[in-house]
Amino acid sequence: MKTILVFLIALASFVTAYCQTAVDYYNKGVAKGKLQDYRGAIADFNKAIELDPNDWKSYYNRAVSKEKLQDYMGAIADFSKVIELDPNDKKSYYNRGVAKDYLQDYTGAIADYTKVIELDRSDFYALHRRASSKRELEDYKGAISDYTKVIELDPSNANAYYSRGLTKGRSGDVDGGCLDLFKASELGHKQASDLIRENCH
């Protein structure tokens, strides 16, 4: 009986140390990330994941660090793991979409932004990024529709007016584009003011 008790105490101590060590590595990784030591942060998150393979926070933060180092494929893999562990984590869908944008996988990015919007219809950041991805694919009608939704959610969003103006211009609607650029300029968008001088008379 005494031997069993000693074993149980030792086992409990081991489990406690195990959990603290995983958390400790995670916390060290977060601290290094704040100091922009992304390689060091990744090394710590690796250790945390070795100790706890289901630690979604370490996968997420490792993905962010990889994205900062422009390792977009690595970031996508880690964001995908977070989504596997939590299929409703909208931040991972959003950031995976951003990484796909950097790799010019606009179709894949649109799919991720669409999932974010399904989870939160008021997320105008995802709407704006989806619009920009659609514009890259020359889906001007779809892009304009998304920029319009952003403006409906945030009427003072100068970037949305500016981006919709550019998209209208590319689609051949120069007058409509200029109207949006004027509105963006009115809201303080400097580049819009420059484009107005060059293109809107």
Protein backbone atom coordinates (compact mmCIF):
# COMPACT_ATOMS: atom_id res chain seq x y z
CA MET A 1 0.00 0.00 0.00
CA LYS A 2 2.80 2.36 0.93
CA THR A 3 4.55 1.61 -2.37
CA ILE A 4 1.37 2.44 -4.32
CA LEU A 5 0.96 5.70 -2.39
CA VAL A 6 4.54 6.73 -3.14
CA PHE A 7 3.98 5.90 -6.82
CA LEU A 8 0.78 7.97 -6.97
CA ILE A 9 2.49 10.95 -5.34
CA ALA A 10 5.40 10.68 -7.79
CA LEU A 11 2.97 10.39 -10.69
CA ALA A 12 1.02 13.45 -9.53
CA SER A 13 4.26 15.41 -9.21
CA PHE A 14 5.27 14.36 -12.72
CA VAL A 15 1.92 15.39 -14.21
CA THR A 16 2.06 18.75 -12.43
CA ALA A 17 5.60 19.39 -13.64
CA TYR A 18 4.59 18.31 -17.15
CA CYS A 19 1.72 20.80 -17.36
CA GLN A 20 3.74 23.64 -15.86
CA THR A 21 6.56 23.02 -18.30
CA ALA A 22 4.23 23.16 -21.31
CA VAL A 23 2.66 26.37 -20.03
CA ASP A 24 6.08 27.77 -19.24
CA TYR A 25 7.31 27.19 -22.79
CA TYR A 26 4.14 28.78 -24.15
CA ASN A 27 4.57 31.85 -21.95
CA LYS A 28 8.24 32.17 -22.94
CA GLY A 29 7.22 31.96 -26.59
CA VAL A 30 4.63 34.71 -26.17
CA ALA A 31 7.20 36.93 -24.43
CA LYS A 32 9.74 36.38 -27.21
CA GLY A 33 7.08 37.14 -29.82
CA LYS A 34 6.39 40.48 -28.15
CA LEU A 35 10.12 41.21 -28.42
CA GLN A 36 9.98 40.28 -32.14
CA ASP A 37 12.28 37.30 -31.52
CA TYR A 38 10.11 35.13 -33.75
CA ARG A 39 12.63 32.33 -34.25
CA GLY A 40 13.09 32.04 -30.49
CA ALA A 41 9.32 32.11 -30.02
CA ILE A 42 8.88 29.29 -32.54
CA ALA A 43 11.45 27.17 -30.70
CA ASP A 44 9.49 27.60 -27.45
CA PHE A 45 6.15 26.87 -29.08
CA ASN A 46 7.70 23.73 -30.58
CA LYS A 47 8.57 22.57 -27.06
CA ALA A 48 5.10 23.39 -25.76
CA ILE A 49 3.52 21.40 -28.60
CA GLU A 50 5.84 18.45 -27.97
CA LEU A 51 4.56 18.36 -24.39
CA ASP A 52 0.93 19.04 -25.30
CA PRO A 53 0.05 18.18 -28.94
CA ASN A 54 -3.46 19.60 -28.51
CA ASP A 55 -2.33 23.02 -27.30
CA TRP A 56 -4.11 25.12 -29.91
CA LYS A 57 -2.75 28.38 -28.46
CA SER A 58 0.82 27.29 -29.18
CA TYR A 59 -0.09 26.29 -32.73
CA TYR A 60 -1.82 29.64 -33.24
CA ASN A 61 1.04 31.73 -31.89
CA ARG A 62 3.61 29.65 -33.75
CA ALA A 63 1.63 30.32 -36.93
CA VAL A 64 1.69 34.07 -36.23
CA SER A 65 5.47 33.95 -35.68
CA LYS A 66 5.95 32.01 -38.92
CA GLU A 67 3.83 34.55 -40.77
CA LYS A 68 6.04 37.35 -39.40
CA LEU A 69 9.04 35.49 -40.86
CA GLN A 70 7.20 35.15 -44.19
CA ASP A 71 6.99 31.38 -43.80
CA TYR A 72 3.47 31.40 -45.18
CA MET A 73 3.24 27.68 -45.91
CA GLY A 74 4.30 26.93 -42.34
CA ALA A 75 1.78 29.44 -41.01
CA ILE A 76 -1.00 27.90 -43.08
CA ALA A 77 -0.17 24.44 -41.72
CA ASP A 78 -0.36 25.68 -38.13
CA PHE A 79 -3.56 27.68 -38.64
CA SER A 80 -5.05 24.56 -40.24
CA LYS A 81 -4.13 22.57 -37.11
CA VAL A 82 -5.91 25.13 -34.93
CA ILE A 83 -8.98 24.85 -37.15
CA GLU A 84 -8.80 21.06 -36.85
CA LEU A 85 -8.85 21.44 -33.06
CA ASP A 86 -11.48 24.21 -33.10
CA PRO A 87 -13.49 24.40 -36.37
CA ASN A 88 -15.12 27.69 -35.31
CA ASP A 89 -11.96 29.67 -34.60
CA LYS A 90 -12.55 32.62 -36.91
CA LYS A 91 -9.16 34.25 -36.21
CA SER A 92 -7.39 31.22 -37.67
CA TYR A 93 -9.56 31.24 -40.79
CA TYR A 94 -8.88 34.96 -41.21
CA ASN A 95 -5.13 34.71 -40.72
CA ARG A 96 -4.88 31.62 -42.90
CA GLY A 97 -6.64 33.65 -45.59
CA VAL A 98 -4.07 36.43 -45.21
CA ALA A 99 -1.23 33.91 -45.60
CA LYS A 100 -2.89 32.50 -48.72
CA ASP A 101 -3.18 36.04 -50.10
CA TYR A 102 0.59 36.46 -49.70
CA LEU A 103 1.05 33.25 -51.71
CA GLN A 104 -1.40 34.58 -54.34
CA ASP A 105 -3.83 31.76 -53.59
CA TYR A 106 -6.75 34.15 -53.88
CA THR A 107 -9.35 31.44 -54.35
CA GLY A 108 -8.23 29.73 -51.15
CA ALA A 109 -8.14 33.07 -49.33
CA ILE A 110 -11.71 33.84 -50.43
CA ALA A 111 -12.87 30.50 -49.03
CA ASP A 112 -11.32 31.31 -45.64
CA TYR A 113 -12.72 34.85 -45.51
CA THR A 114 -16.13 33.47 -46.46
CA LYS A 115 -15.96 31.10 -43.49
CA VAL A 116 -15.14 34.04 -41.19
CA ILE A 117 -18.18 35.92 -42.55
CA GLU A 118 -20.37 32.85 -42.00
CA LEU A 119 -19.24 32.83 -38.37
CA ASP A 120 -19.59 36.61 -37.96
CA ARG A 121 -21.52 38.59 -40.58
CA SER A 122 -20.39 41.89 -39.04
CA ASP A 123 -16.66 41.19 -39.59
CA PHE A 124 -15.88 43.96 -42.06
CA TYR A 125 -12.16 43.14 -42.01
CA ALA A 126 -12.88 39.76 -43.61
CA LEU A 127 -15.30 41.39 -46.05
CA HIS A 128 -12.67 43.94 -47.06
CA ARG A 129 -9.99 41.28 -47.57
CA ARG A 130 -12.37 39.04 -49.49
CA ALA A 131 -13.20 41.98 -51.73
CA SER A 132 -9.51 42.61 -52.41
CA SER A 133 -8.94 38.92 -53.24
CA LYS A 134 -11.90 39.00 -55.63
CA ARG A 135 -10.44 42.10 -57.28
CA GLU A 136 -7.15 40.25 -57.83
CA LEU A 137 -9.15 37.57 -59.65
CA GLU A 138 -10.87 40.33 -61.68
CA ASP A 139 -14.23 39.54 -60.10
CA TYR A 140 -15.01 43.23 -59.99
CA LYS A 141 -18.74 42.81 -59.43
CA GLY A 142 -18.13 40.55 -56.42
CA ALA A 143 -15.45 42.87 -55.05
CA ILE A 144 -17.66 45.96 -55.36
CA SER A 145 -20.48 44.11 -53.60
CA ASP A 146 -18.18 43.25 -50.66
CA TYR A 147 -16.75 46.77 -50.42
CA THR A 148 -20.33 48.09 -50.37
CA LYS A 149 -21.14 45.78 -47.45
CA VAL A 150 -18.09 47.10 -45.59
CA ILE A 151 -19.33 50.67 -46.12
CA GLU A 152 -22.80 49.69 -44.88
CA LEU A 153 -21.22 48.31 -41.69
CA ASP A 154 -18.73 51.19 -41.32
CA PRO A 155 -19.85 54.30 -43.26
CA SER A 156 -16.70 56.25 -42.35
CA ASN A 157 -14.29 53.62 -43.69
CA ALA A 158 -12.11 55.64 -46.06
CA ASN A 159 -10.17 52.57 -47.21
CA ALA A 160 -13.36 50.85 -48.33
CA TYR A 161 -14.40 53.87 -50.43
CA TYR A 162 -10.89 54.10 -51.86
CA SER A 163 -10.73 50.40 -52.72
CA ARG A 164 -14.23 50.40 -54.21
CA GLY A 165 -13.28 53.45 -56.26
CA LEU A 166 -10.20 51.69 -57.65
CA THR A 167 -12.26 48.60 -58.44
CA LYS A 168 -14.97 50.61 -60.22
CA GLY A 169 -12.25 52.31 -62.25
CA ARG A 170 -10.76 48.97 -63.28
CA SER A 171 -14.20 47.71 -64.26
CA GLY A 172 -14.70 50.71 -66.57
CA ASP A 173 -16.95 52.78 -64.29
CA VAL A 174 -14.64 55.79 -64.11
CA ASP A 175 -17.30 58.24 -62.93
CA GLY A 176 -18.45 55.90 -60.14
CA GLY A 177 -14.84 55.32 -59.20
CA CYS A 178 -14.17 59.03 -58.95
CA LEU A 179 -17.21 59.55 -56.74
CA ASP A 180 -15.84 56.97 -54.31
CA LEU A 181 -12.38 58.53 -54.43
CA PHE A 182 -13.87 61.93 -53.63
CA LYS A 183 -15.64 60.40 -50.62
CA ALA A 184 -12.43 58.66 -49.50
CA SER A 185 -10.54 61.95 -49.82
CA GLU A 186 -13.24 63.72 -47.83
CA LEU A 187 -12.67 61.11 -45.09
CA GLY A 188 -8.93 61.86 -45.09
CA HIS A 189 -7.46 59.26 -47.47
CA LYS A 190 -4.33 60.90 -48.93
CA GLN A 191 -3.78 58.47 -51.81
CA ALA A 192 -7.35 59.09 -52.93
CA SER A 193 -6.59 62.80 -53.18
CA ASP A 194 -3.54 62.05 -55.33
CA LEU A 195 -5.54 59.82 -57.69
CA ILE A 196 -8.28 62.42 -58.01
CA ARG A 197 -5.76 64.95 -59.27
CA GLU A 198 -4.44 62.43 -61.81
CA ASN A 199 -7.68 60.81 -63.03
CA CYS A 200 -10.81 62.74 -62.06
CA HIS A 201 -11.56 65.97 -63.90
